[in-house]
Amino acid sequence: MENIIKETIKNLRENNMNGYYCESREELYILLEEFFKDGLTVGCGDSITLEELGVFQWLRKKDVKFYDKFEKSLTSEDRRKIYLKNFTSDVFITGSNAISSKGEIINIDGNGSRVAPMIYGPKKVIVVVGENKITEDYFGAIKRAREIAAPLDAKRLDKNTPCKFTGKCSDCKSPERICNFFVTIAHEFDRDRIHVLILNENLGY
């Protein structure tokens, strides 16, 4: 696994992105402090990894303008306004379904609100993953996203999809299907825009 992570970081750099390996949560938060300076605007995507790490709670305590999509009082229209604000944020932070050792970031999304700002808009994109999200190649990443991440997410969101009950992707046509956008970030124009932080833990799904 250590060699795969080294190869992943090397290939992210060759794809004009940045990769970092953090041995501990302490190292991760030291690195996050460098990206989230006072006064910045911050958007986020859904991420069990970030929830497990307490990143959202950490952001709420910082001197930043956090577009907090998780406030319980928000209406669907309020949430949509936040999604649009994310495009103008200084920093957008999210997790990922998988990162291939070829330096590709692979995600499946339901409404596109997470993957769209990863592609365009925010000045910086911070992607935080546990080492369990690293796969050997693109096909392994897609398999992981479809067969592990998506069924567990459908169950978490209580969606009426076959995978919620079977734990397996059947490429369904359910109205509540969450596998709507398959996005691969293979390269980036701006060297300093996308930063992938890999933590020495199994996180998310």
Foldseek 3Di string as FASTA:
>chain_A
DVVLLVLLQVLLVVQLEGEAEAADLVSVVVVVPVVDDAAFEEEEDDAQQCVVSVVVVVVVPGNYRYLDLPPPPDDPVSNVVSLVVLLATQEYEYEALAAESNNKTKHFFAPCSHVVSVQHRHQAYEYEAEPVRYHHHDVRNVCSRQQPQQLVVCLVVVPPDPCVPVSHHPVDPDPRRTRDDIDMDNHDPHSRHYYYYYYHDHTTD
